[in-house]
Amino acid sequence: MTTVATVSEGTGNPYALSHLDSLESEAVHIFREVAGEFERPVILFSGGKDSILMLHLALKAFAPAPVPFALLHVDTGHNFPEVLEYRDRTVAQHGLRLHVASVQEYIDAGKLRERPDGTRNPLQTVPLTEAIQQHRFDAVFGGGRRDEEKARAKERVFSLRDEFSQWDPRRQRPELWQLYNGRHAAGEHVRVFPISNWTELDVWQYIEREGIELPEIYFAHEREVFSRSGMWLTAGDWGGPKEHERTETRQVRYRTVGDMSCTGAVDSDATTLDAVITEIAASRLTERGATRADDKMSEAAMEDRKREGYF
C-alpha cells in the first residue's frame, strides 16, 4: 500500500502528510514491523470501533495480499448481539481466521466464578492469557489508545508481557524515532498498540474519511435502559435491572462497546458520522471515563488489571 501525500492544512507543502495520513502511516508501519519480526501475531477483534479500525489498517498494510494474522476475541457471554453479528459478518467477508475464548465456558467448567455485581469484564484475563499460551501467540495487537485512560497513557506501543502475561511498567523500553524492540524470552510475548497515539476524535474522523462501516449501536437509537451508578445500562439476562431499578426507553448511543454489564450508553441524537464527530469534539469526558463501570472500581483499576494480564 502506498500512502498518497496530501497537502497539510496551512503548510502548502504537497509532500507533507495530513494529520490522519500521518497516524495511518505510523499504524501501517507498526503492522508491517510486527509481520517481519514475530512468528505468530494475532489481532484482538471484538467488533468494537477500535478493533474495526485496527483491522481496516491491517487490510491496508498488506493489500492486495490477505492479512497474515488470525483474530482473537474474548467473548464474555454478555456482548451486544449487534456487535457479535458485525464481528461474524466481517470475518466471513474477508476470509479471516477467528479464535474465540469463551468466559462462559470457563464458568461452566468451574475455572471462573461469577462476580456478585454480574460484570464479566474482569473475568476476561484468564481466557485471554490461556488462549495466548495455547496458540503460542508471540505478538498480540490491541486497540488501546493513550487518551482513554491514564494506565494506557503510560504503556508503550510495544509492551512486553512476561510468561504469565503480566505487565511491569518498570520493564518498558524506549521507543525513540519509531524504533521498536520486540525481543522477548521464551514464554513471553509483546502486546502491540498500533493506534496508541490516536484520539477518539481521530478515530471517528478517520472512519468518516474511509467510509468504514460500524455496528448501528454507535449511533443514536431508542433502547430500553436503566440507571445504575450514573450510567444508562442495557437491560438483559446478565443481571440487570434489579428490583428497585426502573427501565425506560431513551434515545442513546454507545461511545465504547464492551460487556453489557459495565458499558453505559449516553443520551444522544447523533444519528450520522458528522453528528457524532460534533458531539465528541464538544465532550470533556473520555469515552471510558464516561461509560465504563469497570474503570471506576478504583483509581488504579485499569493498571491493576494490566499487571494481571488484561488487555
C-alpha atoms as a PDB file:
ATOM      1  CA  MET A   1       0.000   0.000   0.000  1.00  0.00           C
ATOM      2  CA  THR A   2       1.316   3.415  -0.927  1.00  0.00           C
ATOM      3  CA  THR A   3       0.099   6.328   1.150  1.00  0.00           C
ATOM      4  CA  VAL A   4      -0.856   9.265  -1.059  1.00  0.00           C
ATOM      5  CA  ALA A   5       0.527  12.516   0.244  1.00  0.00           C
ATOM      6  CA  THR A   6      -1.945  15.328   0.652  1.00  0.00           C
ATOM      7  CA  VAL A   7      -1.318  18.987   1.306  1.00  0.00           C
ATOM      8  CA  SER A   8      -1.276  19.579   5.063  1.00  0.00           C
ATOM      9  CA  GLU A   9      -3.571  22.378   6.084  1.00  0.00           C
ATOM     10  CA  GLY A  10      -1.681  25.630   6.413  1.00  0.00           C
ATOM     11  CA  THR A  11       1.675  24.293   5.162  1.00  0.00           C
ATOM     12  CA  GLY A  12       1.277  24.497   1.392  1.00  0.00           C
ATOM     13  CA  ASN A  13       3.673  21.545   1.152  1.00  0.00           C
ATOM     14  CA  PRO A  14       2.374  18.961  -1.355  1.00  0.00           C
ATOM     15  CA  TYR A  15       4.651  16.291   0.184  1.00  0.00           C
ATOM     16  CA  ALA A  16       3.549  16.762   3.783  1.00  0.00           C
ATOM     17  CA  LEU A  17       1.150  14.198   5.214  1.00  0.00           C
ATOM     18  CA  SER A  18      -2.082  15.340   6.797  1.00  0.00           C
ATOM     19  CA  HIS A  19      -2.690  14.542  10.464  1.00  0.00           C
ATOM     20  CA  LEU A  20      -4.800  11.464   9.668  1.00  0.00           C
ATOM     21  CA  ASP A  21      -2.375  10.307   6.952  1.00  0.00           C
ATOM     22  CA  SER A  22       0.473  10.523   9.458  1.00  0.00           C
ATOM     23  CA  LEU A  23      -1.409   8.412  12.007  1.00  0.00           C
ATOM     24  CA  GLU A  24      -2.330   5.894   9.313  1.00  0.00           C
ATOM     25  CA  SER A  25       1.266   5.684   8.113  1.00  0.00           C
ATOM     26  CA  GLU A  26       2.531   5.051  11.663  1.00  0.00           C
ATOM     27  CA  ALA A  27      -0.012   2.260  12.227  1.00  0.00           C
ATOM     28  CA  VAL A  28       0.752   0.610   8.869  1.00  0.00           C
ATOM     29  CA  HIS A  29       4.465   0.715   9.719  1.00  0.00           C
ATOM     30  CA  ILE A  30       3.764  -0.988  13.066  1.00  0.00           C
ATOM     31  CA  PHE A  31       1.741  -3.778  11.438  1.00  0.00           C
ATOM     32  CA  ARG A  32       4.483  -4.419   8.892  1.00  0.00           C
ATOM     33  CA  GLU A  33       7.190  -4.295  11.574  1.00  0.00           C
ATOM     34  CA  VAL A  34       5.385  -6.969  13.590  1.00  0.00           C
ATOM     35  CA  ALA A  35       4.850  -9.123  10.498  1.00  0.00           C
ATOM     36  CA  GLY A  36       8.590  -9.091   9.856  1.00  0.00           C
ATOM     37  CA  GLU A  37       9.712  -9.559  13.443  1.00  0.00           C
ATOM     38  CA  PHE A  38       7.307 -12.078  15.016  1.00  0.00           C
ATOM     39  CA  GLU A  39       6.229 -15.613  14.138  1.00  0.00           C
ATOM     40  CA  ARG A  40       2.616 -15.869  15.399  1.00  0.00           C
ATOM     41  CA  PRO A  41       0.905 -12.472  15.795  1.00  0.00           C
ATOM     42  CA  VAL A  42      -2.829 -12.151  16.423  1.00  0.00           C
ATOM     43  CA  ILE A  43      -5.273  -9.218  16.355  1.00  0.00           C
ATOM     44  CA  LEU A  44      -7.752  -8.797  19.204  1.00  0.00           C
ATOM     45  CA  PHE A  45     -11.070  -8.255  17.415  1.00  0.00           C
ATOM     46  CA  SER A  46     -14.343  -7.743  19.260  1.00  0.00           C
ATOM     47  CA  GLY A  47     -16.363  -5.849  16.652  1.00  0.00           C
ATOM     48  CA  GLY A  48     -15.894  -2.598  18.579  1.00  0.00           C
ATOM     49  CA  LYS A  49     -14.825   0.533  16.703  1.00  0.00           C
ATOM     50  CA  ASP A  50     -11.150   0.452  17.719  1.00  0.00           C
ATOM     51  CA  SER A  51     -10.712  -3.177  16.671  1.00  0.00           C
ATOM     52  CA  ILE A  52     -12.603  -2.401  13.452  1.00  0.00           C
ATOM     53  CA  LEU A  53     -10.158   0.443  12.800  1.00  0.00           C
ATOM     54  CA  MET A  54      -7.196  -1.863  13.512  1.00  0.00           C
ATOM     55  CA  LEU A  55      -8.458  -4.462  11.053  1.00  0.00           C
ATOM     56  CA  HIS A  56      -9.027  -1.788   8.402  1.00  0.00           C
ATOM     57  CA  LEU A  57      -5.423  -0.603   8.857  1.00  0.00           C
ATOM     58  CA  ALA A  58      -4.118  -4.176   8.703  1.00  0.00           C
ATOM     59  CA  LEU A  59      -6.021  -4.777   5.463  1.00  0.00           C
ATOM     60  CA  LYS A  60      -4.427  -1.629   4.034  1.00  0.00           C
ATOM     61  CA  ALA A  61      -0.961  -2.586   5.268  1.00  0.00           C
ATOM     62  CA  PHE A  62      -0.884  -5.867   3.346  1.00  0.00           C
ATOM     63  CA  ALA A  63      -3.210  -5.278   0.372  1.00  0.00           C
ATOM     64  CA  PRO A  64      -3.621  -6.869  -2.096  1.00  0.00           C
ATOM     65  CA  ALA A  65      -2.363  -9.857  -0.048  1.00  0.00           C
ATOM     66  CA  PRO A  66      -4.554 -11.181   2.776  1.00  0.00           C
ATOM     67  CA  VAL A  67      -3.911 -10.157   6.381  1.00  0.00           C
ATOM     68  CA  PRO A  68      -1.236 -12.596   7.657  1.00  0.00           C
ATOM     69  CA  PHE A  69      -2.658 -12.686  11.187  1.00  0.00           C
ATOM     70  CA  ALA A  70      -5.502 -14.548  12.864  1.00  0.00           C
ATOM     71  CA  LEU A  71      -8.111 -12.757  15.012  1.00  0.00           C
ATOM     72  CA  LEU A  72      -8.875 -13.428  18.686  1.00  0.00           C
ATOM     73  CA  HIS A  73     -11.992 -12.435  20.630  1.00  0.00           C
ATOM     74  CA  VAL A  74     -12.556 -12.989  24.346  1.00  0.00           C
ATOM     75  CA  ASP A  75     -16.339 -13.434  24.478  1.00  0.00           C
ATOM     76  CA  THR A  76     -17.802 -12.640  27.897  1.00  0.00           C
ATOM     77  CA  GLY A  77     -21.195 -14.097  27.002  1.00  0.00           C
ATOM     78  CA  HIS A  78     -22.667 -10.668  27.738  1.00  0.00           C
ATOM     79  CA  ASN A  79     -21.707  -8.974  24.482  1.00  0.00           C
ATOM     80  CA  PHE A  80     -24.141  -6.886  22.470  1.00  0.00           C
ATOM     81  CA  PRO A  81     -25.834  -9.022  19.769  1.00  0.00           C
ATOM     82  CA  GLU A  82     -25.392  -6.267  17.166  1.00  0.00           C
ATOM     83  CA  VAL A  83     -21.634  -6.292  17.722  1.00  0.00           C
ATOM     84  CA  LEU A  84     -21.306 -10.083  17.535  1.00  0.00           C
ATOM     85  CA  GLU A  85     -23.296 -10.111  14.287  1.00  0.00           C
ATOM     86  CA  TYR A  86     -20.933  -7.497  12.843  1.00  0.00           C
ATOM     87  CA  ARG A  87     -17.895  -9.491  14.022  1.00  0.00           C
ATOM     88  CA  ASP A  88     -19.011 -12.706  12.343  1.00  0.00           C
ATOM     89  CA  ARG A  89     -20.044 -10.952   9.131  1.00  0.00           C
ATOM     90  CA  THR A  90     -16.696  -9.156   8.870  1.00  0.00           C
ATOM     91  CA  VAL A  91     -14.708 -12.351   9.467  1.00  0.00           C
ATOM     92  CA  ALA A  92     -16.647 -14.098   6.703  1.00  0.00           C
ATOM     93  CA  GLN A  93     -16.365 -11.136   4.322  1.00  0.00           C
ATOM     94  CA  HIS A  94     -12.560 -11.060   4.478  1.00  0.00           C
ATOM     95  CA  GLY A  95     -11.968 -14.802   4.864  1.00  0.00           C
ATOM     96  CA  LEU A  96     -10.236 -14.402   8.224  1.00  0.00           C
ATOM     97  CA  ARG A  97      -9.496 -16.934  10.954  1.00  0.00           C
ATOM     98  CA  LEU A  98     -11.211 -16.159  14.272  1.00  0.00           C
ATOM     99  CA  HIS A  99     -10.341 -17.763  17.604  1.00  0.00           C
ATOM    100  CA  VAL A 100     -12.940 -17.251  20.357  1.00  0.00           C
ATOM    101  CA  ALA A 101     -12.062 -17.648  24.042  1.00  0.00           C
ATOM    102  CA  SER A 102     -15.340 -18.015  25.956  1.00  0.00           C
ATOM    103  CA  VAL A 103     -15.727 -16.748  29.516  1.00  0.00           C
ATOM    104  CA  GLN A 104     -18.962 -18.761  29.788  1.00  0.00           C
ATOM    105  CA  GLU A 105     -17.085 -21.994  29.054  1.00  0.00           C
ATOM    106  CA  TYR A 106     -14.630 -21.216  31.855  1.00  0.00           C
ATOM    107  CA  ILE A 107     -17.514 -20.563  34.253  1.00  0.00           C
ATOM    108  CA  ASP A 108     -19.258 -23.800  33.223  1.00  0.00           C
ATOM    109  CA  ALA A 109     -16.007 -25.725  33.775  1.00  0.00           C
ATOM    110  CA  GLY A 110     -15.573 -24.243  37.258  1.00  0.00           C
ATOM    111  CA  LYS A 111     -12.398 -22.348  36.315  1.00  0.00           C
ATOM    112  CA  LEU A 112     -14.020 -18.958  36.944  1.00  0.00           C
ATOM    113  CA  ARG A 113     -16.769 -17.727  39.261  1.00  0.00           C
ATOM    114  CA  GLU A 114     -19.424 -15.136  38.511  1.00  0.00           C
ATOM    115  CA  ARG A 115     -18.881 -11.839  40.323  1.00  0.00           C
ATOM    116  CA  PRO A 116     -21.589 -10.588  42.715  1.00  0.00           C
ATOM    117  CA  ASP A 117     -22.089  -7.479  40.576  1.00  0.00           C
ATOM    118  CA  GLY A 118     -22.644  -9.570  37.427  1.00  0.00           C
ATOM    119  CA  THR A 119     -19.884  -7.929  35.389  1.00  0.00           C
ATOM    120  CA  ARG A 120     -17.615 -10.257  33.419  1.00  0.00           C
ATOM    121  CA  ASN A 121     -15.051  -7.814  32.065  1.00  0.00           C
ATOM    122  CA  PRO A 122     -12.502  -8.626  34.815  1.00  0.00           C
ATOM    123  CA  LEU A 123     -13.049 -12.339  34.075  1.00  0.00           C
ATOM    124  CA  GLN A 124     -11.558 -11.999  30.586  1.00  0.00           C
ATOM    125  CA  THR A 125      -7.956 -12.141  31.794  1.00  0.00           C
ATOM    126  CA  VAL A 126      -7.678 -15.912  32.315  1.00  0.00           C
ATOM    127  CA  PRO A 127      -9.287 -16.935  28.982  1.00  0.00           C
ATOM    128  CA  LEU A 128      -7.135 -14.335  27.196  1.00  0.00           C
ATOM    129  CA  THR A 129      -3.829 -15.419  28.717  1.00  0.00           C
ATOM    130  CA  GLU A 130      -4.565 -19.112  28.262  1.00  0.00           C
ATOM    131  CA  ALA A 131      -5.556 -18.567  24.607  1.00  0.00           C
ATOM    132  CA  ILE A 132      -2.248 -16.769  24.043  1.00  0.00           C
ATOM    133  CA  GLN A 133      -0.352 -19.667  25.616  1.00  0.00           C
ATOM    134  CA  GLN A 134      -2.377 -22.367  23.849  1.00  0.00           C
ATOM    135  CA  HIS A 135      -1.873 -20.877  20.375  1.00  0.00           C
ATOM    136  CA  ARG A 136       1.679 -19.669  21.149  1.00  0.00           C
ATOM    137  CA  PHE A 137       0.955 -16.117  20.015  1.00  0.00           C
ATOM    138  CA  ASP A 138       4.091 -14.014  20.404  1.00  0.00           C
ATOM    139  CA  ALA A 139       2.584 -10.628  19.452  1.00  0.00           C
ATOM    140  CA  VAL A 140      -0.963  -9.530  20.320  1.00  0.00           C
ATOM    141  CA  PHE A 141      -2.402  -6.411  18.679  1.00  0.00           C
ATOM    142  CA  GLY A 142      -4.747  -4.402  20.911  1.00  0.00           C
ATOM    143  CA  GLY A 143      -6.799  -1.277  20.221  1.00  0.00           C
ATOM    144  CA  GLY A 144      -5.792   0.608  23.368  1.00  0.00           C
ATOM    145  CA  ARG A 145      -5.222   4.358  22.997  1.00  0.00           C
ATOM    146  CA  ARG A 146      -3.339   6.705  25.303  1.00  0.00           C
ATOM    147  CA  ASP A 147      -6.196   9.196  25.514  1.00  0.00           C
ATOM    148  CA  GLU A 148      -8.585   6.616  27.007  1.00  0.00           C
ATOM    149  CA  GLU A 149      -7.158   6.109  30.474  1.00  0.00           C
ATOM    150  CA  LYS A 150      -4.019   7.006  32.479  1.00  0.00           C
ATOM    151  CA  ALA A 151      -2.645   3.435  32.682  1.00  0.00           C
ATOM    152  CA  ARG A 152      -2.894   3.152  28.904  1.00  0.00           C
ATOM    153  CA  ALA A 153      -1.182   6.534  28.598  1.00  0.00           C
ATOM    154  CA  LYS A 154       1.893   5.053  30.332  1.00  0.00           C
ATOM    155  CA  GLU A 155       2.173   1.995  28.100  1.00  0.00           C
ATOM    156  CA  ARG A 156       4.496   1.804  25.098  1.00  0.00           C
ATOM    157  CA  VAL A 157       3.472   0.778  21.566  1.00  0.00           C
ATOM    158  CA  PHE A 158       5.442  -2.473  22.058  1.00  0.00           C
ATOM    159  CA  SER A 159       4.569  -3.614  25.589  1.00  0.00           C
ATOM    160  CA  LEU A 160       6.470  -6.608  26.939  1.00  0.00           C
ATOM    161  CA  ARG A 161       4.482  -9.186  28.928  1.00  0.00           C
ATOM    162  CA  ASP A 162       6.134 -11.911  30.993  1.00  0.00           C
ATOM    163  CA  GLU A 163       5.410 -15.657  30.866  1.00  0.00           C
ATOM    164  CA  PHE A 164       2.265 -15.028  32.952  1.00  0.00           C
ATOM    165  CA  SER A 165       1.116 -12.243  30.562  1.00  0.00           C
ATOM    166  CA  GLN A 166       1.704  -9.687  33.311  1.00  0.00           C
ATOM    167  CA  TRP A 167       2.772  -6.103  32.640  1.00  0.00           C
ATOM    168  CA  ASP A 168       5.579  -4.476  34.620  1.00  0.00           C
ATOM    169  CA  PRO A 169       5.821  -0.733  33.873  1.00  0.00           C
ATOM    170  CA  ARG A 170       9.487  -0.799  35.003  1.00  0.00           C
ATOM    171  CA  ARG A 171      10.388  -3.116  32.115  1.00  0.00           C
ATOM    172  CA  GLN A 172       9.166  -0.743  29.416  1.00  0.00           C
ATOM    173  CA  ARG A 173      11.615   0.066  26.654  1.00  0.00           C
ATOM    174  CA  PRO A 174      12.380   3.398  24.972  1.00  0.00           C
ATOM    175  CA  GLU A 175      10.864   3.890  21.511  1.00  0.00           C
ATOM    176  CA  LEU A 176      12.930   6.704  20.018  1.00  0.00           C
ATOM    177  CA  TRP A 177      12.455   7.543  16.323  1.00  0.00           C
ATOM    178  CA  GLN A 178       9.745   4.855  15.993  1.00  0.00           C
ATOM    179  CA  LEU A 179      12.274   2.083  16.600  1.00  0.00           C
ATOM    180  CA  TYR A 180      10.512  -0.806  18.328  1.00  0.00           C
ATOM    181  CA  ASN A 181      12.222  -3.542  20.327  1.00  0.00           C
ATOM    182  CA  GLY A 182      10.309  -6.813  20.074  1.00  0.00           C
ATOM    183  CA  ARG A 183      12.869  -9.026  21.770  1.00  0.00           C
ATOM    184  CA  HIS A 184      11.355 -11.396  24.291  1.00  0.00           C
ATOM    185  CA  ALA A 185      12.321 -14.600  26.099  1.00  0.00           C
ATOM    186  CA  ALA A 186      10.632 -17.962  25.568  1.00  0.00           C
ATOM    187  CA  GLY A 187       7.127 -17.876  27.058  1.00  0.00           C
ATOM    188  CA  GLU A 188       6.920 -14.087  26.956  1.00  0.00           C
ATOM    189  CA  HIS A 189       5.028 -12.086  24.357  1.00  0.00           C
ATOM    190  CA  VAL A 190       4.527  -8.486  23.284  1.00  0.00           C
ATOM    191  CA  ARG A 191       1.278  -6.537  23.282  1.00  0.00           C
ATOM    192  CA  VAL A 192       1.254  -4.122  20.352  1.00  0.00           C
ATOM    193  CA  PHE A 193      -0.873  -0.952  20.187  1.00  0.00           C
ATOM    194  CA  PRO A 194      -0.802   0.466  16.623  1.00  0.00           C
ATOM    195  CA  ILE A 195      -3.383   3.191  17.347  1.00  0.00           C
ATOM    196  CA  SER A 196      -1.920   4.218  20.703  1.00  0.00           C
ATOM    197  CA  ASN A 197      -1.354   7.806  19.525  1.00  0.00           C
ATOM    198  CA  TRP A 198      -4.867   8.260  18.108  1.00  0.00           C
ATOM    199  CA  THR A 199      -7.589  10.127  19.989  1.00  0.00           C
ATOM    200  CA  GLU A 200     -11.282   9.274  19.971  1.00  0.00           C
ATOM    201  CA  LEU A 201     -11.837  12.224  17.626  1.00  0.00           C
ATOM    202  CA  ASP A 202      -9.083  10.966  15.291  1.00  0.00           C
ATOM    203  CA  VAL A 203     -10.755   7.554  15.164  1.00  0.00           C
ATOM    204  CA  TRP A 204     -14.125   8.983  14.168  1.00  0.00           C
ATOM    205  CA  GLN A 205     -12.689  11.430  11.623  1.00  0.00           C
ATOM    206  CA  TYR A 206     -10.748   8.586  10.002  1.00  0.00           C
ATOM    207  CA  ILE A 207     -13.819   6.331   9.989  1.00  0.00           C
ATOM    208  CA  GLU A 208     -15.705   9.111   8.199  1.00  0.00           C
ATOM    209  CA  ARG A 209     -12.895   9.677   5.691  1.00  0.00           C
ATOM    210  CA  GLU A 210     -12.501   5.986   4.892  1.00  0.00           C
ATOM    211  CA  GLY A 211     -16.215   5.175   4.854  1.00  0.00           C
ATOM    212  CA  ILE A 212     -15.782   2.368   7.397  1.00  0.00           C
ATOM    213  CA  GLU A 213     -18.982   0.557   8.385  1.00  0.00           C
ATOM    214  CA  LEU A 214     -19.766   0.303  12.104  1.00  0.00           C
ATOM    215  CA  PRO A 215     -22.407  -1.521  14.157  1.00  0.00           C
ATOM    216  CA  GLU A 216     -25.541   0.625  14.487  1.00  0.00           C
ATOM    217  CA  ILE A 217     -25.104   0.650  18.264  1.00  0.00           C
ATOM    218  CA  TYR A 218     -22.612   3.528  17.853  1.00  0.00           C
ATOM    219  CA  PHE A 219     -25.349   5.823  16.526  1.00  0.00           C
ATOM    220  CA  ALA A 220     -28.387   7.223  18.315  1.00  0.00           C
ATOM    221  CA  HIS A 221     -31.285   4.797  18.595  1.00  0.00           C
ATOM    222  CA  GLU A 222     -34.105   4.010  21.006  1.00  0.00           C
ATOM    223  CA  ARG A 223     -33.205   1.409  23.646  1.00  0.00           C
ATOM    224  CA  GLU A 224     -34.629   0.080  26.897  1.00  0.00           C
ATOM    225  CA  VAL A 225     -32.181   1.111  29.619  1.00  0.00           C
ATOM    226  CA  PHE A 226     -31.983   1.650  33.362  1.00  0.00           C
ATOM    227  CA  SER A 227     -29.820   3.882  35.539  1.00  0.00           C
ATOM    228  CA  ARG A 228     -27.026   2.464  37.702  1.00  0.00           C
ATOM    229  CA  SER A 229     -24.063   4.369  39.154  1.00  0.00           C
ATOM    230  CA  GLY A 230     -24.836   7.340  36.939  1.00  0.00           C
ATOM    231  CA  MET A 231     -24.854   5.320  33.684  1.00  0.00           C
ATOM    232  CA  TRP A 232     -27.557   4.017  31.362  1.00  0.00           C
ATOM    233  CA  LEU A 233     -27.157   0.236  31.160  1.00  0.00           C
ATOM    234  CA  THR A 234     -28.984  -2.131  28.812  1.00  0.00           C
ATOM    235  CA  ALA A 235     -31.496  -4.481  30.398  1.00  0.00           C
ATOM    236  CA  GLY A 236     -30.634  -8.129  29.824  1.00  0.00           C
ATOM    237  CA  ASP A 237     -30.079 -11.626  31.210  1.00  0.00           C
ATOM    238  CA  TRP A 238     -26.719 -10.641  32.710  1.00  0.00           C
ATOM    239  CA  GLY A 239     -28.341  -9.489  35.957  1.00  0.00           C
ATOM    240  CA  GLY A 240     -29.908  -6.126  35.342  1.00  0.00           C
ATOM    241  CA  PRO A 241     -32.065  -4.413  36.251  1.00  0.00           C
ATOM    242  CA  LYS A 242     -32.557  -5.241  39.927  1.00  0.00           C
ATOM    243  CA  GLU A 243     -35.971  -4.993  41.591  1.00  0.00           C
ATOM    244  CA  HIS A 244     -35.565  -1.338  42.557  1.00  0.00           C
ATOM    245  CA  GLU A 245     -34.171  -0.268  39.157  1.00  0.00           C
ATOM    246  CA  ARG A 246     -36.765   1.047  36.709  1.00  0.00           C
ATOM    247  CA  THR A 247     -36.327   0.610  32.971  1.00  0.00           C
ATOM    248  CA  GLU A 248     -37.246   3.280  30.463  1.00  0.00           C
ATOM    249  CA  THR A 249     -36.915   3.826  26.732  1.00  0.00           C
ATOM    250  CA  ARG A 250     -34.416   6.535  25.786  1.00  0.00           C
ATOM    251  CA  GLN A 251     -32.589   7.682  22.698  1.00  0.00           C
ATOM    252  CA  VAL A 252     -28.967   6.756  23.308  1.00  0.00           C
ATOM    253  CA  ARG A 253     -25.778   5.628  21.611  1.00  0.00           C
ATOM    254  CA  TYR A 254     -22.570   3.931  22.740  1.00  0.00           C
ATOM    255  CA  ARG A 255     -19.176   5.652  22.664  1.00  0.00           C
ATOM    256  CA  THR A 256     -17.375   2.428  23.559  1.00  0.00           C
ATOM    257  CA  VAL A 257     -18.600  -1.162  23.489  1.00  0.00           C
ATOM    258  CA  GLY A 258     -17.707  -3.922  25.924  1.00  0.00           C
ATOM    259  CA  ASP A 259     -19.549  -6.217  28.298  1.00  0.00           C
ATOM    260  CA  MET A 260     -23.220  -5.205  28.625  1.00  0.00           C
ATOM    261  CA  SER A 261     -22.957  -5.287  32.409  1.00  0.00           C
ATOM    262  CA  CYS A 262     -20.435  -2.448  32.636  1.00  0.00           C
ATOM    263  CA  THR A 263     -20.778  -0.437  29.418  1.00  0.00           C
ATOM    264  CA  GLY A 264     -23.037   2.579  29.673  1.00  0.00           C
ATOM    265  CA  ALA A 265     -24.884   4.391  26.902  1.00  0.00           C
ATOM    266  CA  VAL A 266     -25.029   8.168  26.591  1.00  0.00           C
ATOM    267  CA  ASP A 267     -28.051  10.292  25.742  1.00  0.00           C
ATOM    268  CA  SER A 268     -27.600  11.370  22.148  1.00  0.00           C
ATOM    269  CA  ASP A 269     -29.377  12.443  18.988  1.00  0.00           C
ATOM    270  CA  ALA A 270     -26.296  11.809  16.803  1.00  0.00           C
ATOM    271  CA  THR A 271     -27.515   9.533  14.028  1.00  0.00           C
ATOM    272  CA  THR A 272     -24.797  10.365  11.473  1.00  0.00           C
ATOM    273  CA  LEU A 273     -20.997  10.419  11.443  1.00  0.00           C
ATOM    274  CA  ASP A 274     -20.960  14.224  11.226  1.00  0.00           C
ATOM    275  CA  ALA A 275     -23.212  14.485  14.273  1.00  0.00           C
ATOM    276  CA  VAL A 276     -21.097  12.005  16.263  1.00  0.00           C
ATOM    277  CA  ILE A 277     -17.903  13.932  15.444  1.00  0.00           C
ATOM    278  CA  THR A 278     -19.518  17.208  16.528  1.00  0.00           C
ATOM    279  CA  GLU A 279     -20.694  15.588  19.765  1.00  0.00           C
ATOM    280  CA  ILE A 280     -17.246  14.145  20.571  1.00  0.00           C
ATOM    281  CA  ALA A 281     -15.473  17.434  19.792  1.00  0.00           C
ATOM    282  CA  ALA A 282     -17.634  19.157  22.408  1.00  0.00           C
ATOM    283  CA  SER A 283     -17.237  16.449  25.081  1.00  0.00           C
ATOM    284  CA  ARG A 284     -14.984  16.984  28.096  1.00  0.00           C
ATOM    285  CA  LEU A 285     -15.102  13.356  29.291  1.00  0.00           C
ATOM    286  CA  THR A 286     -13.122  10.475  27.842  1.00  0.00           C
ATOM    287  CA  GLU A 287     -15.194   7.632  26.445  1.00  0.00           C
ATOM    288  CA  ARG A 288     -14.090   5.164  29.145  1.00  0.00           C
ATOM    289  CA  GLY A 289     -14.399   7.736  31.926  1.00  0.00           C
ATOM    290  CA  ALA A 290     -17.972   8.447  30.912  1.00  0.00           C
ATOM    291  CA  THR A 291     -19.232   4.966  30.127  1.00  0.00           C
ATOM    292  CA  ARG A 292     -17.167   2.149  31.664  1.00  0.00           C
ATOM    293  CA  ALA A 293     -18.083   0.992  35.180  1.00  0.00           C
ATOM    294  CA  ASP A 294     -15.137  -1.436  35.320  1.00  0.00           C
ATOM    295  CA  ASP A 295     -12.709   1.525  35.257  1.00  0.00           C
ATOM    296  CA  LYS A 296     -14.450   3.121  38.245  1.00  0.00           C
ATOM    297  CA  MET A 297     -13.816   0.273  40.702  1.00  0.00           C
ATOM    298  CA  SER A 298     -10.703   2.074  41.960  1.00  0.00           C
ATOM    299  CA  GLU A 299      -8.283   4.815  40.904  1.00  0.00           C
ATOM    300  CA  ALA A 300      -5.874   2.161  39.625  1.00  0.00           C
ATOM    301  CA  ALA A 301      -8.445  -0.336  38.281  1.00  0.00           C
ATOM    302  CA  MET A 302      -7.040  -0.494  34.748  1.00  0.00           C
ATOM    303  CA  GLU A 303      -3.397  -0.630  35.829  1.00  0.00           C
ATOM    304  CA  ASP A 304      -4.143  -3.406  38.315  1.00  0.00           C
ATOM    305  CA  ARG A 305      -5.817  -5.475  35.594  1.00  0.00           C
ATOM    306  CA  LYS A 306      -2.963  -4.821  33.160  1.00  0.00           C
ATOM    307  CA  ARG A 307      -0.481  -6.099  35.739  1.00  0.00           C
ATOM    308  CA  GLU A 308      -2.555  -9.299  35.926  1.00  0.00           C
ATOM    309  CA  GLY A 309      -2.555  -9.803  32.139  1.00  0.00           C
ATOM    310  CA  TYR A 310      -5.556  -7.787  30.925  1.00  0.00           C
ATOM    311  CA  PHE A 311      -5.560  -6.012  27.519  1.00  0.00           C
END
